[in-house]
């Protein structure tokens, strides 16, 4: 397959050429481009979308499909798109993309789905679980997870932490700090972070808000895997 015939190249060329502002027209053009590059895939994906996604969200979905095609092409896995075992991954990615307000989120989703498409058959179910767990965290949670994963985590975490507030600060400002701590609790609850390190990982001590030293947090193996799937870590 030549570079001009790859799914990513065909989709990007078709969409960027201008296919009208109507969301249905845009989706049709995306499906046609994908169908030409990977026979059958365009019609399959279009059918999934037409039964699952409201019309007003089709622009987000078509953008996701462009990104997904490029990621699948990068992994040389375009021919795997039509495997029945990959349909749950693609459907879940489409459903999440329809709710994704930012392109950054759609990029994360495209990378995660493409990795699942390229995975061995025995790993498909686990890849689908990871994709569904991704739906439970926001982009800000992923940035927090990425900061914890860095050897220089204390500096990165400090940059993400809301500023200290006076005792009489309004609730709106206080809520920002509470949401920051809620992100930590959520990442621990779903298994992306741990309050204790693995046996081969050195303990990291940091000052707490009460002035004493406390452990962690520590990124888990699952947390590192999620960062790798979305492209924030190798």
C-alpha atoms as a PDB file:
ATOM      1  CA  UNK A   1       0.000   0.000   0.000  1.00  0.00           C
ATOM      2  CA  UNK A   2       1.431   3.316  -1.033  1.00  0.00           C
ATOM      3  CA  UNK A   3       1.528   6.382   1.187  1.00  0.00           C
ATOM      4  CA  UNK A   4      -1.219   8.044  -0.842  1.00  0.00           C
ATOM      5  CA  UNK A   5      -3.495   5.030  -0.345  1.00  0.00           C
ATOM      6  CA  UNK A   6      -3.136   4.681   3.421  1.00  0.00           C
ATOM      7  CA  UNK A   7      -6.280   5.208   5.501  1.00  0.00           C
ATOM      8  CA  UNK A   8      -4.841   8.208   7.313  1.00  0.00           C
ATOM      9  CA  UNK A   9      -3.684   9.923   4.135  1.00  0.00           C
ATOM     10  CA  UNK A  10      -6.941   9.282   2.263  1.00  0.00           C
ATOM     11  CA  UNK A  11      -9.097  10.497   5.107  1.00  0.00           C
ATOM     12  CA  UNK A  12      -7.048  13.582   5.816  1.00  0.00           C
ATOM     13  CA  UNK A  13      -6.974  14.505   2.116  1.00  0.00           C
ATOM     14  CA  UNK A  14     -10.710  14.031   1.639  1.00  0.00           C
ATOM     15  CA  UNK A  15     -11.751  15.964   4.737  1.00  0.00           C
ATOM     16  CA  UNK A  16      -9.279  18.794   4.285  1.00  0.00           C
ATOM     17  CA  UNK A  17     -10.361  19.231   0.653  1.00  0.00           C
ATOM     18  CA  UNK A  18     -13.697  20.508   1.918  1.00  0.00           C
ATOM     19  CA  UNK A  19     -16.799  18.339   1.866  1.00  0.00           C
ATOM     20  CA  UNK A  20     -19.321  20.875   3.116  1.00  0.00           C
ATOM     21  CA  UNK A  21     -20.245  21.922   6.600  1.00  0.00           C
ATOM     22  CA  UNK A  22     -23.073  19.436   7.032  1.00  0.00           C
ATOM     23  CA  UNK A  23     -22.108  16.788   9.600  1.00  0.00           C
ATOM     24  CA  UNK A  24     -23.732  13.967   7.639  1.00  0.00           C
ATOM     25  CA  UNK A  25     -21.880  15.000   4.476  1.00  0.00           C
ATOM     26  CA  UNK A  26     -18.619  15.092   6.393  1.00  0.00           C
ATOM     27  CA  UNK A  27     -19.215  11.627   7.822  1.00  0.00           C
ATOM     28  CA  UNK A  28     -20.131  10.258   4.408  1.00  0.00           C
ATOM     29  CA  UNK A  29     -16.882  11.594   2.968  1.00  0.00           C
ATOM     30  CA  UNK A  30     -14.872  10.102   5.823  1.00  0.00           C
ATOM     31  CA  UNK A  31     -16.559   6.728   5.408  1.00  0.00           C
ATOM     32  CA  UNK A  32     -15.996   6.815   1.637  1.00  0.00           C
ATOM     33  CA  UNK A  33     -12.294   7.597   2.084  1.00  0.00           C
ATOM     34  CA  UNK A  34     -11.839   4.867   4.655  1.00  0.00           C
ATOM     35  CA  UNK A  35     -13.783   2.411   2.524  1.00  0.00           C
ATOM     36  CA  UNK A  36     -11.499   3.124  -0.422  1.00  0.00           C
ATOM     37  CA  UNK A  37      -8.382   2.546   1.660  1.00  0.00           C
ATOM     38  CA  UNK A  38      -9.654  -0.445   3.644  1.00  0.00           C
ATOM     39  CA  UNK A  39     -12.470  -2.142   1.681  1.00  0.00           C
ATOM     40  CA  UNK A  40     -15.567  -2.616   3.810  1.00  0.00           C
ATOM     41  CA  UNK A  41     -14.383  -0.628   6.825  1.00  0.00           C
ATOM     42  CA  UNK A  42     -16.086   2.603   5.834  1.00  0.00           C
ATOM     43  CA  UNK A  43     -19.528   1.046   5.477  1.00  0.00           C
ATOM     44  CA  UNK A  44     -19.146  -0.918   8.703  1.00  0.00           C
ATOM     45  CA  UNK A  45     -18.117   2.149  10.696  1.00  0.00           C
ATOM     46  CA  UNK A  46     -20.816   4.287   9.094  1.00  0.00           C
ATOM     47  CA  UNK A  47     -23.448   1.724  10.072  1.00  0.00           C
ATOM     48  CA  UNK A  48     -22.190   1.653  13.667  1.00  0.00           C
ATOM     49  CA  UNK A  49     -22.284   5.449  13.822  1.00  0.00           C
ATOM     50  CA  UNK A  50     -25.737   5.809  12.280  1.00  0.00           C
ATOM     51  CA  UNK A  51     -27.287   3.562  14.927  1.00  0.00           C
ATOM     52  CA  UNK A  52     -25.422   4.893  17.950  1.00  0.00           C
ATOM     53  CA  UNK A  53     -24.564   8.592  17.561  1.00  0.00           C
ATOM     54  CA  UNK A  54     -26.923  11.601  17.487  1.00  0.00           C
ATOM     55  CA  UNK A  55     -26.497  13.776  14.386  1.00  0.00           C
ATOM     56  CA  UNK A  56     -25.195  16.793  16.285  1.00  0.00           C
ATOM     57  CA  UNK A  57     -22.143  14.804  17.379  1.00  0.00           C
ATOM     58  CA  UNK A  58     -21.103  13.517  13.974  1.00  0.00           C
ATOM     59  CA  UNK A  59     -18.381  16.166  13.568  1.00  0.00           C
ATOM     60  CA  UNK A  60     -16.618  14.851  16.656  1.00  0.00           C
ATOM     61  CA  UNK A  61     -16.957  11.283  15.427  1.00  0.00           C
ATOM     62  CA  UNK A  62     -15.660  12.060  11.948  1.00  0.00           C
ATOM     63  CA  UNK A  63     -12.677  13.852  13.477  1.00  0.00           C
ATOM     64  CA  UNK A  64     -12.037  10.783  15.634  1.00  0.00           C
ATOM     65  CA  UNK A  65     -12.216   8.515  12.572  1.00  0.00           C
ATOM     66  CA  UNK A  66      -9.624  10.618  10.781  1.00  0.00           C
ATOM     67  CA  UNK A  67      -7.341  10.347  13.797  1.00  0.00           C
ATOM     68  CA  UNK A  68      -8.036   6.633  14.247  1.00  0.00           C
ATOM     69  CA  UNK A  69      -7.263   5.892  10.607  1.00  0.00           C
ATOM     70  CA  UNK A  70      -3.955   7.700  10.912  1.00  0.00           C
ATOM     71  CA  UNK A  71      -3.020   5.834  14.103  1.00  0.00           C
ATOM     72  CA  UNK A  72      -4.022   2.447  12.677  1.00  0.00           C
ATOM     73  CA  UNK A  73      -2.032   3.217   9.541  1.00  0.00           C
ATOM     74  CA  UNK A  74       0.982   4.220  11.637  1.00  0.00           C
ATOM     75  CA  UNK A  75       0.865   0.785  13.282  1.00  0.00           C
ATOM     76  CA  UNK A  76       0.433  -0.917   9.864  1.00  0.00           C
ATOM     77  CA  UNK A  77      -2.758  -2.487  11.221  1.00  0.00           C
ATOM     78  CA  UNK A  78      -5.347  -1.167   8.758  1.00  0.00           C
ATOM     79  CA  UNK A  79      -6.259  -4.646   7.548  1.00  0.00           C
ATOM     80  CA  UNK A  80      -7.217  -5.613  11.127  1.00  0.00           C
ATOM     81  CA  UNK A  81      -9.970  -2.992  11.413  1.00  0.00           C
ATOM     82  CA  UNK A  82     -12.646  -5.326  10.050  1.00  0.00           C
ATOM     83  CA  UNK A  83     -11.886  -8.225  12.364  1.00  0.00           C
ATOM     84  CA  UNK A  84     -15.046  -8.926  14.391  1.00  0.00           C
ATOM     85  CA  UNK A  85     -13.050  -8.891  17.624  1.00  0.00           C
ATOM     86  CA  UNK A  86     -12.131  -5.241  17.000  1.00  0.00           C
ATOM     87  CA  UNK A  87     -15.700  -3.977  16.588  1.00  0.00           C
ATOM     88  CA  UNK A  88     -16.306  -3.558  20.362  1.00  0.00           C
ATOM     89  CA  UNK A  89     -13.146  -1.435  20.569  1.00  0.00           C
ATOM     90  CA  UNK A  90     -14.167   0.729  17.619  1.00  0.00           C
ATOM     91  CA  UNK A  91     -17.735   1.113  18.887  1.00  0.00           C
ATOM     92  CA  UNK A  92     -16.541   2.119  22.364  1.00  0.00           C
ATOM     93  CA  UNK A  93     -14.091   4.595  20.862  1.00  0.00           C
ATOM     94  CA  UNK A  94     -16.819   6.131  18.713  1.00  0.00           C
ATOM     95  CA  UNK A  95     -19.190   6.423  21.667  1.00  0.00           C
ATOM     96  CA  UNK A  96     -16.564   8.175  23.780  1.00  0.00           C
ATOM     97  CA  UNK A  97     -15.450  10.392  20.899  1.00  0.00           C
ATOM     98  CA  UNK A  98     -19.010  11.638  20.495  1.00  0.00           C
ATOM     99  CA  UNK A  99     -18.789  12.992  24.055  1.00  0.00           C
ATOM    100  CA  UNK A 100     -15.242  14.338  23.735  1.00  0.00           C
ATOM    101  CA  UNK A 101     -15.204  18.143  23.662  1.00  0.00           C
ATOM    102  CA  UNK A 102     -11.502  18.526  22.774  1.00  0.00           C
ATOM    103  CA  UNK A 103      -9.376  17.158  19.969  1.00  0.00           C
ATOM    104  CA  UNK A 104      -6.719  16.232  22.533  1.00  0.00           C
ATOM    105  CA  UNK A 105      -9.199  13.785  24.025  1.00  0.00           C
ATOM    106  CA  UNK A 106     -10.052  12.368  20.615  1.00  0.00           C
ATOM    107  CA  UNK A 107      -6.334  11.887  19.948  1.00  0.00           C
ATOM    108  CA  UNK A 108      -6.005   9.945  23.207  1.00  0.00           C
ATOM    109  CA  UNK A 109      -8.970   7.792  22.211  1.00  0.00           C
ATOM    110  CA  UNK A 110      -7.654   7.163  18.688  1.00  0.00           C
ATOM    111  CA  UNK A 111      -4.293   6.025  20.040  1.00  0.00           C
ATOM    112  CA  UNK A 112      -5.908   3.746  22.605  1.00  0.00           C
ATOM    113  CA  UNK A 113      -8.313   2.165  20.117  1.00  0.00           C
ATOM    114  CA  UNK A 114      -5.588   1.719  17.495  1.00  0.00           C
ATOM    115  CA  UNK A 115      -3.381  -0.069  20.000  1.00  0.00           C
ATOM    116  CA  UNK A 116      -6.260  -2.406  20.801  1.00  0.00           C
ATOM    117  CA  UNK A 117      -6.911  -3.027  17.110  1.00  0.00           C
ATOM    118  CA  UNK A 118      -3.274  -4.036  16.673  1.00  0.00           C
ATOM    119  CA  UNK A 119      -3.172  -6.209  19.819  1.00  0.00           C
ATOM    120  CA  UNK A 120      -3.178 -10.009  19.819  1.00  0.00           C
ATOM    121  CA  UNK A 121      -6.575 -11.679  19.998  1.00  0.00           C
ATOM    122  CA  UNK A 122      -6.019 -12.867  23.580  1.00  0.00           C
ATOM    123  CA  UNK A 123      -5.427  -9.269  24.682  1.00  0.00           C
ATOM    124  CA  UNK A 124      -8.501  -7.663  23.092  1.00  0.00           C
ATOM    125  CA  UNK A 125     -10.675  -7.896  26.195  1.00  0.00           C
ATOM    126  CA  UNK A 126      -8.048  -6.244  28.376  1.00  0.00           C
ATOM    127  CA  UNK A 127      -7.607  -3.461  25.824  1.00  0.00           C
ATOM    128  CA  UNK A 128     -11.355  -2.873  25.887  1.00  0.00           C
ATOM    129  CA  UNK A 129     -11.258  -2.692  29.696  1.00  0.00           C
ATOM    130  CA  UNK A 130      -8.484  -0.095  29.530  1.00  0.00           C
ATOM    131  CA  UNK A 131     -10.483   1.939  27.018  1.00  0.00           C
ATOM    132  CA  UNK A 132     -13.532   1.871  29.303  1.00  0.00           C
ATOM    133  CA  UNK A 133     -11.425   2.899  32.298  1.00  0.00           C
ATOM    134  CA  UNK A 134     -10.171   5.827  30.241  1.00  0.00           C
ATOM    135  CA  UNK A 135     -13.776   7.018  30.054  1.00  0.00           C
ATOM    136  CA  UNK A 136     -13.747   7.457  33.848  1.00  0.00           C
ATOM    137  CA  UNK A 137     -10.967  10.055  33.887  1.00  0.00           C
ATOM    138  CA  UNK A 138     -10.729  13.529  32.409  1.00  0.00           C
ATOM    139  CA  UNK A 139      -7.849  15.136  30.591  1.00  0.00           C
ATOM    140  CA  UNK A 140      -6.824  16.910  33.801  1.00  0.00           C
ATOM    141  CA  UNK A 141      -6.710  13.548  35.596  1.00  0.00           C
ATOM    142  CA  UNK A 142      -4.397  12.191  32.886  1.00  0.00           C
ATOM    143  CA  UNK A 143      -2.076  15.189  33.284  1.00  0.00           C
ATOM    144  CA  UNK A 144      -1.997  14.544  37.019  1.00  0.00           C
ATOM    145  CA  UNK A 145      -1.231  10.874  36.401  1.00  0.00           C
ATOM    146  CA  UNK A 146       1.528  11.855  33.981  1.00  0.00           C
ATOM    147  CA  UNK A 147       3.027  14.190  36.592  1.00  0.00           C
ATOM    148  CA  UNK A 148       3.112  11.421  39.198  1.00  0.00           C
ATOM    149  CA  UNK A 149       4.823   9.087  36.724  1.00  0.00           C
ATOM    150  CA  UNK A 150       7.714  11.511  36.211  1.00  0.00           C
ATOM    151  CA  UNK A 151      10.912  11.100  38.299  1.00  0.00           C
ATOM    152  CA  UNK A 152      10.658  14.820  39.003  1.00  0.00           C
ATOM    153  CA  UNK A 153       7.057  14.407  40.110  1.00  0.00           C
ATOM    154  CA  UNK A 154       7.238  16.751  43.068  1.00  0.00           C
ATOM    155  CA  UNK A 155       7.934  19.761  40.820  1.00  0.00           C
ATOM    156  CA  UNK A 156       5.236  18.830  38.303  1.00  0.00           C
ATOM    157  CA  UNK A 157       2.691  18.129  41.009  1.00  0.00           C
ATOM    158  CA  UNK A 158       3.427  21.442  42.654  1.00  0.00           C
ATOM    159  CA  UNK A 159       2.741  23.217  39.351  1.00  0.00           C
ATOM    160  CA  UNK A 160      -0.653  21.511  39.035  1.00  0.00           C
ATOM    161  CA  UNK A 161      -1.699  22.107  42.628  1.00  0.00           C
ATOM    162  CA  UNK A 162      -4.141  24.970  43.228  1.00  0.00           C
ATOM    163  CA  UNK A 163      -2.722  27.883  45.244  1.00  0.00           C
ATOM    164  CA  UNK A 164      -3.198  28.034  48.999  1.00  0.00           C
ATOM    165  CA  UNK A 165      -6.234  30.084  49.968  1.00  0.00           C
ATOM    166  CA  UNK A 166      -7.074  32.233  52.977  1.00  0.00           C
ATOM    167  CA  UNK A 167      -9.577  30.896  55.491  1.00  0.00           C
ATOM    168  CA  UNK A 168     -12.301  33.193  54.204  1.00  0.00           C
ATOM    169  CA  UNK A 169     -11.906  32.214  50.524  1.00  0.00           C
ATOM    170  CA  UNK A 170     -15.183  31.758  48.610  1.00  0.00           C
ATOM    171  CA  UNK A 171     -16.513  28.253  48.048  1.00  0.00           C
ATOM    172  CA  UNK A 172     -15.871  28.458  44.294  1.00  0.00           C
ATOM    173  CA  UNK A 173     -12.135  28.860  44.916  1.00  0.00           C
ATOM    174  CA  UNK A 174     -12.101  26.210  47.647  1.00  0.00           C
ATOM    175  CA  UNK A 175     -13.839  23.765  45.325  1.00  0.00           C
ATOM    176  CA  UNK A 176     -10.901  23.903  42.899  1.00  0.00           C
ATOM    177  CA  UNK A 177      -8.578  22.568  45.575  1.00  0.00           C
ATOM    178  CA  UNK A 178     -11.085  19.921  46.611  1.00  0.00           C
ATOM    179  CA  UNK A 179     -11.478  18.806  42.994  1.00  0.00           C
ATOM    180  CA  UNK A 180      -7.677  18.458  42.783  1.00  0.00           C
ATOM    181  CA  UNK A 181      -7.696  16.114  45.775  1.00  0.00           C
ATOM    182  CA  UNK A 182     -10.734  14.322  44.362  1.00  0.00           C
ATOM    183  CA  UNK A 183      -8.694  13.521  41.238  1.00  0.00           C
ATOM    184  CA  UNK A 184      -6.098  11.757  43.382  1.00  0.00           C
ATOM    185  CA  UNK A 185      -8.811   9.749  45.134  1.00  0.00           C
ATOM    186  CA  UNK A 186     -10.408   8.787  41.823  1.00  0.00           C
ATOM    187  CA  UNK A 187      -7.091   7.711  40.278  1.00  0.00           C
ATOM    188  CA  UNK A 188      -6.400   5.558  43.332  1.00  0.00           C
ATOM    189  CA  UNK A 189      -9.936   4.110  43.330  1.00  0.00           C
ATOM    190  CA  UNK A 190      -9.706   2.889  39.715  1.00  0.00           C
ATOM    191  CA  UNK A 191      -6.180   1.553  40.164  1.00  0.00           C
ATOM    192  CA  UNK A 192      -4.118   4.075  38.200  1.00  0.00           C
ATOM    193  CA  UNK A 193      -2.380   5.301  41.352  1.00  0.00           C
ATOM    194  CA  UNK A 194      -1.318   3.505  44.500  1.00  0.00           C
ATOM    195  CA  UNK A 195      -0.684   4.802  48.004  1.00  0.00           C
ATOM    196  CA  UNK A 196       2.292   2.419  48.320  1.00  0.00           C
ATOM    197  CA  UNK A 197       5.175   1.677  45.917  1.00  0.00           C
ATOM    198  CA  UNK A 198       6.041  -1.662  44.364  1.00  0.00           C
ATOM    199  CA  UNK A 199       8.764  -3.616  46.124  1.00  0.00           C
ATOM    200  CA  UNK A 200      11.416  -2.555  43.592  1.00  0.00           C
ATOM    201  CA  UNK A 201      10.382   1.118  43.588  1.00  0.00           C
ATOM    202  CA  UNK A 202      12.015   3.554  46.014  1.00  0.00           C
ATOM    203  CA  UNK A 203       9.725   5.330  48.436  1.00  0.00           C
ATOM    204  CA  UNK A 204       9.129   8.970  47.704  1.00  0.00           C
ATOM    205  CA  UNK A 205       8.497  11.312  50.592  1.00  0.00           C
ATOM    206  CA  UNK A 206       6.800  14.662  50.167  1.00  0.00           C
ATOM    207  CA  UNK A 207       5.488  17.330  52.527  1.00  0.00           C
ATOM    208  CA  UNK A 208       1.765  17.108  53.169  1.00  0.00           C
ATOM    209  CA  UNK A 209      -0.539  20.068  53.600  1.00  0.00           C
ATOM    210  CA  UNK A 210      -0.225  19.523  57.340  1.00  0.00           C
ATOM    211  CA  UNK A 211       3.552  19.997  57.334  1.00  0.00           C
ATOM    212  CA  UNK A 212       4.479  16.343  57.919  1.00  0.00           C
ATOM    213  CA  UNK A 213       6.067  13.891  55.500  1.00  0.00           C
ATOM    214  CA  UNK A 214       3.858  11.370  53.740  1.00  0.00           C
ATOM    215  CA  UNK A 215       4.357   8.648  51.143  1.00  0.00           C
ATOM    216  CA  UNK A 216       3.494   8.769  47.486  1.00  0.00           C
ATOM    217  CA  UNK A 217       1.414   8.847  45.522  1.00  0.00           C
ATOM    218  CA  UNK A 218       2.833   6.159  43.252  1.00  0.00           C
ATOM    219  CA  UNK A 219       1.791   5.245  39.746  1.00  0.00           C
ATOM    220  CA  UNK A 220       0.667   1.650  39.252  1.00  0.00           C
ATOM    221  CA  UNK A 221       1.511  -0.680  36.381  1.00  0.00           C
ATOM    222  CA  UNK A 222      -2.010  -0.080  35.081  1.00  0.00           C
ATOM    223  CA  UNK A 223      -1.483   3.658  35.297  1.00  0.00           C
ATOM    224  CA  UNK A 224       1.729   3.421  33.278  1.00  0.00           C
ATOM    225  CA  UNK A 225      -0.040   1.268  30.716  1.00  0.00           C
ATOM    226  CA  UNK A 226      -2.829   3.834  30.292  1.00  0.00           C
ATOM    227  CA  UNK A 227      -0.301   6.637  29.779  1.00  0.00           C
ATOM    228  CA  UNK A 228       1.412   4.522  27.135  1.00  0.00           C
ATOM    229  CA  UNK A 229      -1.877   3.798  25.374  1.00  0.00           C
ATOM    230  CA  UNK A 230      -2.771   7.491  25.049  1.00  0.00           C
ATOM    231  CA  UNK A 231       0.771   8.442  24.004  1.00  0.00           C
ATOM    232  CA  UNK A 232       1.830  10.408  27.085  1.00  0.00           C
ATOM    233  CA  UNK A 233       4.538   7.876  27.911  1.00  0.00           C
ATOM    234  CA  UNK A 234       6.520   5.314  25.940  1.00  0.00           C
END
